[in-house]
C-alpha atoms as a PDB file:
ATOM      1  CA  GLY A   1      -0.803   8.323   8.767  1.00  0.00           C
ATOM      2  CA  SER A   2      -2.280   8.795  12.214  1.00  0.00           C
ATOM      3  CA  ALA A   3      -5.661  10.198  11.202  1.00  0.00           C
ATOM      4  CA  GLN A   4      -8.502   7.844  10.352  1.00  0.00           C
ATOM      5  CA  THR A   5      -9.616   7.802   6.734  1.00  0.00           C
ATOM      6  CA  ARG A   6     -13.234   7.050   5.769  1.00  0.00           C
ATOM      7  CA  VAL A   7     -13.831   4.925   2.670  1.00  0.00           C
ATOM      8  CA  ALA A   8     -17.165   3.861   1.196  1.00  0.00           C
ATOM      9  CA  VAL A   9     -17.330   0.132   0.487  1.00  0.00           C
ATOM     10  CA  SER A  10     -17.951  -0.561  -3.201  1.00  0.00           C
ATOM     11  CA  SER A  11     -17.187  -3.232  -5.744  1.00  0.00           C
ATOM     12  CA  GLY A  12     -13.728  -2.999  -7.263  1.00  0.00           C
ATOM     13  CA  LEU A  13     -12.287  -1.220  -4.236  1.00  0.00           C
ATOM     14  CA  ALA A  14      -8.536  -0.620  -4.520  1.00  0.00           C
ATOM     15  CA  LEU A  15      -5.736   1.115  -2.647  1.00  0.00           C
ATOM     16  CA  ASN A  16      -4.023   3.817  -4.669  1.00  0.00           C
ATOM     17  CA  VAL A  17      -0.403   4.033  -3.529  1.00  0.00           C
ATOM     18  CA  THR A  18       2.014   6.806  -4.482  1.00  0.00           C
ATOM     19  CA  PHE A  19       5.684   6.539  -3.556  1.00  0.00           C
ATOM     20  CA  GLN A  20       8.955   8.138  -4.593  1.00  0.00           C
ATOM     21  CA  ASN A  21      12.092   6.509  -5.930  1.00  0.00           C
ATOM     22  CA  GLN A  22      14.517   8.478  -3.746  1.00  0.00           C
ATOM     23  CA  GLY A  23      17.563   6.746  -5.153  1.00  0.00           C
ATOM     24  CA  GLU A  24      19.932   7.666  -7.938  1.00  0.00           C
ATOM     25  CA  ASN A  25      18.984   4.755 -10.196  1.00  0.00           C
ATOM     26  CA  ASP A  26      15.917   3.703 -12.122  1.00  0.00           C
ATOM     27  CA  GLU A  27      14.438   0.542 -10.601  1.00  0.00           C
ATOM     28  CA  ALA A  28      12.492  -2.350 -12.089  1.00  0.00           C
ATOM     29  CA  ASN A  29       9.966  -4.764 -10.598  1.00  0.00           C
ATOM     30  CA  VAL A  30       9.328  -2.951  -7.323  1.00  0.00           C
ATOM     31  CA  LYS A  31       6.849  -4.923  -5.206  1.00  0.00           C
ATOM     32  CA  VAL A  32       4.282  -2.945  -3.215  1.00  0.00           C
ATOM     33  CA  THR A  33       2.387  -4.949  -0.581  1.00  0.00           C
ATOM     34  CA  ALA A  34      -0.693  -4.017   1.416  1.00  0.00           C
ATOM     35  CA  ARG A  35      -1.497  -5.889   4.626  1.00  0.00           C
ATOM     36  CA  ILE A  36      -5.115  -5.459   5.671  1.00  0.00           C
ATOM     37  CA  GLN A  37      -5.890  -6.128   9.362  1.00  0.00           C
ATOM     38  CA  PRO A  38      -9.632  -5.755  10.003  1.00  0.00           C
ATOM     39  CA  THR A  39     -10.861  -5.411  13.593  1.00  0.00           C
ATOM     40  CA  SER A  40     -12.814  -8.610  12.954  1.00  0.00           C
ATOM     41  CA  GLY A  41     -12.021 -11.252  10.372  1.00  0.00           C
ATOM     42  CA  ARG A  42      -8.794 -12.527   8.870  1.00  0.00           C
ATOM     43  CA  THR A  43      -5.735 -10.436   8.079  1.00  0.00           C
ATOM     44  CA  TYR A  44      -4.587 -10.777   4.482  1.00  0.00           C
ATOM     45  CA  GLU A  45      -2.025  -9.372   2.084  1.00  0.00           C
ATOM     46  CA  THR A  46      -2.277  -8.329  -1.512  1.00  0.00           C
ATOM     47  CA  SER A  47       0.404  -6.856  -3.742  1.00  0.00           C
ATOM     48  CA  LYS A  48       1.282  -5.461  -7.132  1.00  0.00           C
ATOM     49  CA  VAL A  49       4.612  -5.077  -8.928  1.00  0.00           C
ATOM     50  CA  VAL A  50       5.544  -1.725 -10.450  1.00  0.00           C
ATOM     51  CA  SER A  51       7.441  -2.551 -13.624  1.00  0.00           C
ATOM     52  CA  GLN A  52       9.674   0.535 -13.538  1.00  0.00           C
ATOM     53  CA  THR A  53      10.383   3.606 -11.411  1.00  0.00           C
ATOM     54  CA  LYS A  54      12.604   6.511 -12.463  1.00  0.00           C
ATOM     55  CA  ALA A  55      15.243   7.949 -10.131  1.00  0.00           C
ATOM     56  CA  GLY A  56      13.861  10.892  -8.139  1.00  0.00           C
ATOM     57  CA  GLU A  57      10.325  10.536  -9.469  1.00  0.00           C
ATOM     58  CA  THR A  58       7.049   9.363  -7.952  1.00  0.00           C
ATOM     59  CA  ALA A  59       5.294   6.196  -9.014  1.00  0.00           C
ATOM     60  CA  ASN A  60       1.667   5.169  -8.616  1.00  0.00           C
ATOM     61  CA  VAL A  61       0.111   1.739  -8.281  1.00  0.00           C
ATOM     62  CA  SER A  62      -3.450   0.584  -7.702  1.00  0.00           C
ATOM     63  CA  ILE A  63      -3.735  -2.532  -5.535  1.00  0.00           C
ATOM     64  CA  PRO A  64      -7.184  -4.168  -5.698  1.00  0.00           C
ATOM     65  CA  LEU A  65      -8.582  -5.359  -2.375  1.00  0.00           C
ATOM     66  CA  THR A  66      -9.109  -9.076  -2.865  1.00  0.00           C
ATOM     67  CA  GLN A  67     -11.681  -9.258  -0.046  1.00  0.00           C
ATOM     68  CA  ALA A  68     -14.426  -6.690   0.372  1.00  0.00           C
ATOM     69  CA  PRO A  69     -14.261  -5.121   3.821  1.00  0.00           C
ATOM     70  CA  ALA A  70     -17.370  -5.214   5.981  1.00  0.00           C
ATOM     71  CA  ARG A  71     -19.302  -1.964   6.268  1.00  0.00           C
ATOM     72  CA  ASN A  72     -18.932   0.048   9.476  1.00  0.00           C
ATOM     73  CA  THR A  73     -15.653  -1.619  10.419  1.00  0.00           C
ATOM     74  CA  THR A  74     -12.141  -0.337  10.921  1.00  0.00           C
ATOM     75  CA  ALA A  75      -8.974  -1.856   9.495  1.00  0.00           C
ATOM     76  CA  ARG A  76      -5.272  -1.138   9.834  1.00  0.00           C
ATOM     77  CA  ILE A  77      -3.659  -1.095   6.415  1.00  0.00           C
ATOM     78  CA  THR A  78       0.110  -1.345   6.255  1.00  0.00           C
ATOM     79  CA  VAL A  79       1.704  -0.541   2.899  1.00  0.00           C
ATOM     80  CA  THR A  80       5.287  -1.622   2.220  1.00  0.00           C
ATOM     81  CA  VAL A  81       7.392  -0.747  -0.809  1.00  0.00           C
ATOM     82  CA  GLY A  82       9.875  -3.571  -1.317  1.00  0.00           C
ATOM     83  CA  LYS A  83      13.613  -3.060  -0.828  1.00  0.00           C
ATOM     84  CA  VAL A  84      15.589  -2.715  -4.048  1.00  0.00           C
ATOM     85  CA  ASN A  85      19.197  -3.695  -4.742  1.00  0.00           C
ATOM     86  CA  GLY A  86      21.653  -1.401  -2.979  1.00  0.00           C
ATOM     87  CA  GLU A  87      18.976   0.302  -0.873  1.00  0.00           C
ATOM     88  CA  GLN A  88      20.299   1.045   2.598  1.00  0.00           C
ATOM     89  CA  LYS A  89      17.600   3.345   4.022  1.00  0.00           C
ATOM     90  CA  THR A  90      14.430   1.277   4.380  1.00  0.00           C
ATOM     91  CA  ASP A  91      12.813   2.875   7.444  1.00  0.00           C
ATOM     92  CA  ASN A  92      10.629   4.962   5.121  1.00  0.00           C
ATOM     93  CA  ASN A  93       9.399   2.014   3.027  1.00  0.00           C
ATOM     94  CA  THR A  94       6.417   1.214   5.285  1.00  0.00           C
ATOM     95  CA  GLU A  95       3.434   3.295   6.391  1.00  0.00           C
ATOM     96  CA  THR A  96       0.346   2.263   8.365  1.00  0.00           C
ATOM     97  CA  TYR A  97      -3.114   3.789   7.992  1.00  0.00           C
ATOM     98  CA  THR A  98      -6.343   3.371   9.922  1.00  0.00           C
ATOM     99  CA  VAL A  99      -9.353   3.134   7.610  1.00  0.00           C
ATOM    100  CA  PHE A 100     -13.040   3.145   8.533  1.00  0.00           C
ATOM    101  CA  PHE A 101     -15.173   1.453   5.870  1.00  0.00           C
ATOM    102  CA  THR A 102     -18.692   2.879   5.518  1.00  0.00           C
END
């Protein structure tokens, strides 16, 4: 995503990630990782494992932010859906977003 997203800082803040299993097989234990790079402060990663995805269907996962972002700051958030066995096309497994925390 190239547009900046505005998010209000609150307790229990999480990233809601939706992705599609574009393969022909159901998959198990798919790791989804979020890398948070604030303009100031330390970069960190947090992840969740999706226990099962069905072939051709979308899956959703909520990844809690382990560190509360500072108000009025921007962060780059890179989300990566882990490679699964037999997957050859991985150039669509990662997306980066710019988020402004209010």
